[in-house]
Amino acid sequence: MQKLHDYEQVPGCTMYATLNIIGGKWKGVILYHLTKGTMRFNALKRELGDCSQRLLIKQLRELEADGLVQRTVYPVVPPRVDYSITEEGRSLEPILHELRNWGEAWLHRRGLVARDG
């Protein structure tokens, strides 16, 4: 039996589907960083800072299952794994950059310092 995603249980609700796919705690930030280019797991982990390794793996797996991230494993020792954004994921790039811009302006209006990411 195929497992249903949350958004498949509310047919026709496109906003729910969209926010469910990119609304994980770190998913938007992961996608934003991958718009800059392919990254190895540890480099991505360094960019995220506070994100635990377990949660990062979970979020990457979900993004991969939804077709937004591609995972490439190279048969070398030690193992090398690269993550990149897919064409479907790249279609979110303008939205991710606008969200970043909005967040930067929101922080600025409140006198807070923005850090990239």
C-alpha atoms as a PDB file:
ATOM      1  CA  MET A   1       0.000   0.000   0.000  1.00  0.00           C
ATOM      2  CA  GLN A   2       1.409   3.363  -1.031  1.00  0.00           C
ATOM      3  CA  LYS A   3       1.700   5.919   1.730  1.00  0.00           C
ATOM      4  CA  LEU A   4      -0.246   9.129   1.106  1.00  0.00           C
ATOM      5  CA  HIS A   5       1.339  12.491   1.706  1.00  0.00           C
ATOM      6  CA  ASP A   6      -0.639  14.929   3.865  1.00  0.00           C
ATOM      7  CA  TYR A   7      -1.409  17.097   0.834  1.00  0.00           C
ATOM      8  CA  GLU A   8      -2.943  14.160  -1.044  1.00  0.00           C
ATOM      9  CA  GLN A   9      -5.630  13.882   1.612  1.00  0.00           C
ATOM     10  CA  VAL A  10      -6.990  17.359   0.840  1.00  0.00           C
ATOM     11  CA  PRO A  11      -7.702  17.155  -2.889  1.00  0.00           C
ATOM     12  CA  GLY A  12      -7.722  20.437  -4.735  1.00  0.00           C
ATOM     13  CA  CYS A  13      -6.134  22.512  -1.980  1.00  0.00           C
ATOM     14  CA  THR A  14      -3.074  23.802  -3.787  1.00  0.00           C
ATOM     15  CA  MET A  15      -1.911  26.132  -1.014  1.00  0.00           C
ATOM     16  CA  TYR A  16      -1.962  23.273   1.492  1.00  0.00           C
ATOM     17  CA  ALA A  17       0.002  21.087  -0.922  1.00  0.00           C
ATOM     18  CA  THR A  18       2.605  23.778  -1.570  1.00  0.00           C
ATOM     19  CA  LEU A  19       3.159  24.650   2.079  1.00  0.00           C
ATOM     20  CA  ASN A  20       3.274  20.975   3.025  1.00  0.00           C
ATOM     21  CA  ILE A  21       5.992  20.282   0.454  1.00  0.00           C
ATOM     22  CA  ILE A  22       8.245  23.246   1.286  1.00  0.00           C
ATOM     23  CA  GLY A  23       7.002  23.988   4.802  1.00  0.00           C
ATOM     24  CA  GLY A  24       9.267  21.717   6.814  1.00  0.00           C
ATOM     25  CA  LYS A  25      11.385  23.472   9.419  1.00  0.00           C
ATOM     26  CA  TRP A  26      14.470  23.557   7.153  1.00  0.00           C
ATOM     27  CA  LYS A  27      13.141  22.697   3.680  1.00  0.00           C
ATOM     28  CA  GLY A  28      12.970  26.250   2.356  1.00  0.00           C
ATOM     29  CA  VAL A  29      16.447  27.038   3.639  1.00  0.00           C
ATOM     30  CA  ILE A  30      17.846  23.811   2.154  1.00  0.00           C
ATOM     31  CA  LEU A  31      16.307  24.609  -1.226  1.00  0.00           C
ATOM     32  CA  TYR A  32      17.558  28.199  -1.039  1.00  0.00           C
ATOM     33  CA  HIS A  33      21.150  27.053  -0.486  1.00  0.00           C
ATOM     34  CA  LEU A  34      20.918  24.445  -3.232  1.00  0.00           C
ATOM     35  CA  THR A  35      19.884  27.158  -5.731  1.00  0.00           C
ATOM     36  CA  LYS A  36      23.509  28.319  -5.441  1.00  0.00           C
ATOM     37  CA  GLY A  37      24.795  24.943  -6.669  1.00  0.00           C
ATOM     38  CA  THR A  38      25.429  21.317  -5.783  1.00  0.00           C
ATOM     39  CA  MET A  39      26.508  20.738  -2.190  1.00  0.00           C
ATOM     40  CA  ARG A  40      27.868  17.865  -0.172  1.00  0.00           C
ATOM     41  CA  PHE A  41      26.031  16.893   3.007  1.00  0.00           C
ATOM     42  CA  ASN A  42      28.570  18.408   5.425  1.00  0.00           C
ATOM     43  CA  ALA A  43      28.739  21.691   3.511  1.00  0.00           C
ATOM     44  CA  LEU A  44      24.960  21.945   3.638  1.00  0.00           C
ATOM     45  CA  LYS A  45      25.014  21.105   7.344  1.00  0.00           C
ATOM     46  CA  ARG A  46      27.523  23.915   7.974  1.00  0.00           C
ATOM     47  CA  GLU A  47      25.294  26.392   6.120  1.00  0.00           C
ATOM     48  CA  LEU A  48      22.297  25.471   8.274  1.00  0.00           C
ATOM     49  CA  GLY A  49      24.097  25.654  11.599  1.00  0.00           C
ATOM     50  CA  ASP A  50      21.426  24.730  14.166  1.00  0.00           C
ATOM     51  CA  CYS A  51      19.849  21.903  12.159  1.00  0.00           C
ATOM     52  CA  SER A  52      20.594  18.469  13.593  1.00  0.00           C
ATOM     53  CA  GLN A  53      22.060  15.816  11.313  1.00  0.00           C
ATOM     54  CA  ARG A  54      19.017  13.600  11.848  1.00  0.00           C
ATOM     55  CA  LEU A  55      16.561  16.353  10.890  1.00  0.00           C
ATOM     56  CA  LEU A  56      18.637  17.387   7.873  1.00  0.00           C
ATOM     57  CA  ILE A  57      18.631  13.794   6.593  1.00  0.00           C
ATOM     58  CA  LYS A  58      14.854  13.584   7.120  1.00  0.00           C
ATOM     59  CA  GLN A  59      14.182  16.877   5.321  1.00  0.00           C
ATOM     60  CA  LEU A  60      16.490  15.943   2.413  1.00  0.00           C
ATOM     61  CA  ARG A  61      14.747  12.574   2.024  1.00  0.00           C
ATOM     62  CA  GLU A  62      11.344  14.271   1.925  1.00  0.00           C
ATOM     63  CA  LEU A  63      12.546  16.819  -0.642  1.00  0.00           C
ATOM     64  CA  GLU A  64      14.014  13.987  -2.706  1.00  0.00           C
ATOM     65  CA  ALA A  65      10.750  12.003  -2.500  1.00  0.00           C
ATOM     66  CA  ASP A  66       8.842  15.078  -3.700  1.00  0.00           C
ATOM     67  CA  GLY A  67      11.214  15.467  -6.655  1.00  0.00           C
ATOM     68  CA  LEU A  68      12.753  18.786  -5.584  1.00  0.00           C
ATOM     69  CA  VAL A  69      16.220  17.512  -4.649  1.00  0.00           C
ATOM     70  CA  GLN A  70      18.462  14.966  -6.339  1.00  0.00           C
ATOM     71  CA  ARG A  71      20.866  12.817  -4.326  1.00  0.00           C
ATOM     72  CA  THR A  72      23.932  11.489  -6.136  1.00  0.00           C
ATOM     73  CA  VAL A  73      26.067   8.809  -4.484  1.00  0.00           C
ATOM     74  CA  TYR A  74      29.564   8.186  -5.836  1.00  0.00           C
ATOM     75  CA  PRO A  75      31.073   4.705  -5.376  1.00  0.00           C
ATOM     76  CA  VAL A  76      34.286   5.836  -3.699  1.00  0.00           C
ATOM     77  CA  VAL A  77      35.875   5.343  -0.305  1.00  0.00           C
ATOM     78  CA  PRO A  78      35.019   7.256   1.788  1.00  0.00           C
ATOM     79  CA  PRO A  79      31.489   7.569   0.348  1.00  0.00           C
ATOM     80  CA  ARG A  80      30.680  10.852  -1.372  1.00  0.00           C
ATOM     81  CA  VAL A  81      27.111  12.140  -1.617  1.00  0.00           C
ATOM     82  CA  ASP A  82      26.097  15.305  -3.447  1.00  0.00           C
ATOM     83  CA  TYR A  83      22.762  17.084  -3.279  1.00  0.00           C
ATOM     84  CA  SER A  84      21.435  19.311  -6.028  1.00  0.00           C
ATOM     85  CA  ILE A  85      18.164  20.970  -6.842  1.00  0.00           C
ATOM     86  CA  THR A  86      16.102  19.425  -9.646  1.00  0.00           C
ATOM     87  CA  GLU A  87      14.439  21.359 -12.464  1.00  0.00           C
ATOM     88  CA  GLU A  88      11.158  21.097 -10.578  1.00  0.00           C
ATOM     89  CA  GLY A  89      12.879  22.419  -7.464  1.00  0.00           C
ATOM     90  CA  ARG A  90      14.452  25.195  -9.506  1.00  0.00           C
ATOM     91  CA  SER A  91      10.950  26.390 -10.430  1.00  0.00           C
ATOM     92  CA  LEU A  92      10.683  27.493  -6.763  1.00  0.00           C
ATOM     93  CA  GLU A  93      13.794  29.675  -7.014  1.00  0.00           C
ATOM     94  CA  PRO A  94      11.996  33.018  -7.605  1.00  0.00           C
ATOM     95  CA  ILE A  95       9.636  32.280  -4.708  1.00  0.00           C
ATOM     96  CA  LEU A  96      12.512  31.357  -2.382  1.00  0.00           C
ATOM     97  CA  HIS A  97      14.389  34.548  -3.234  1.00  0.00           C
ATOM     98  CA  GLU A  98      11.251  36.641  -2.668  1.00  0.00           C
ATOM     99  CA  LEU A  99      10.700  34.958   0.695  1.00  0.00           C
ATOM    100  CA  ARG A 100      14.308  35.745   1.601  1.00  0.00           C
ATOM    101  CA  ASN A 101      13.851  39.387   0.540  1.00  0.00           C
ATOM    102  CA  TRP A 102      10.617  39.680   2.510  1.00  0.00           C
ATOM    103  CA  GLY A 103      12.282  38.204   5.593  1.00  0.00           C
ATOM    104  CA  GLU A 104      15.230  40.574   5.279  1.00  0.00           C
ATOM    105  CA  ALA A 105      12.872  43.583   5.055  1.00  0.00           C
ATOM    106  CA  TRP A 106      10.800  42.300   7.980  1.00  0.00           C
ATOM    107  CA  LEU A 107      13.902  41.986  10.156  1.00  0.00           C
ATOM    108  CA  HIS A 108      15.122  45.416   9.051  1.00  0.00           C
ATOM    109  CA  ARG A 109      11.782  47.051   9.992  1.00  0.00           C
ATOM    110  CA  ARG A 110      12.230  45.639  13.477  1.00  0.00           C
ATOM    111  CA  GLY A 111      15.839  46.747  13.806  1.00  0.00           C
ATOM    112  CA  LEU A 112      17.157  43.178  13.749  1.00  0.00           C
ATOM    113  CA  VAL A 113      20.247  42.039  11.891  1.00  0.00           C
ATOM    114  CA  ALA A 114      19.683  39.612   9.042  1.00  0.00           C
ATOM    115  CA  ARG A 115      22.128  36.856   8.279  1.00  0.00           C
ATOM    116  CA  ASP A 116      21.993  35.154   4.894  1.00  0.00           C
ATOM    117  CA  GLY A 117      20.073  31.912   4.852  1.00  0.00           C
END
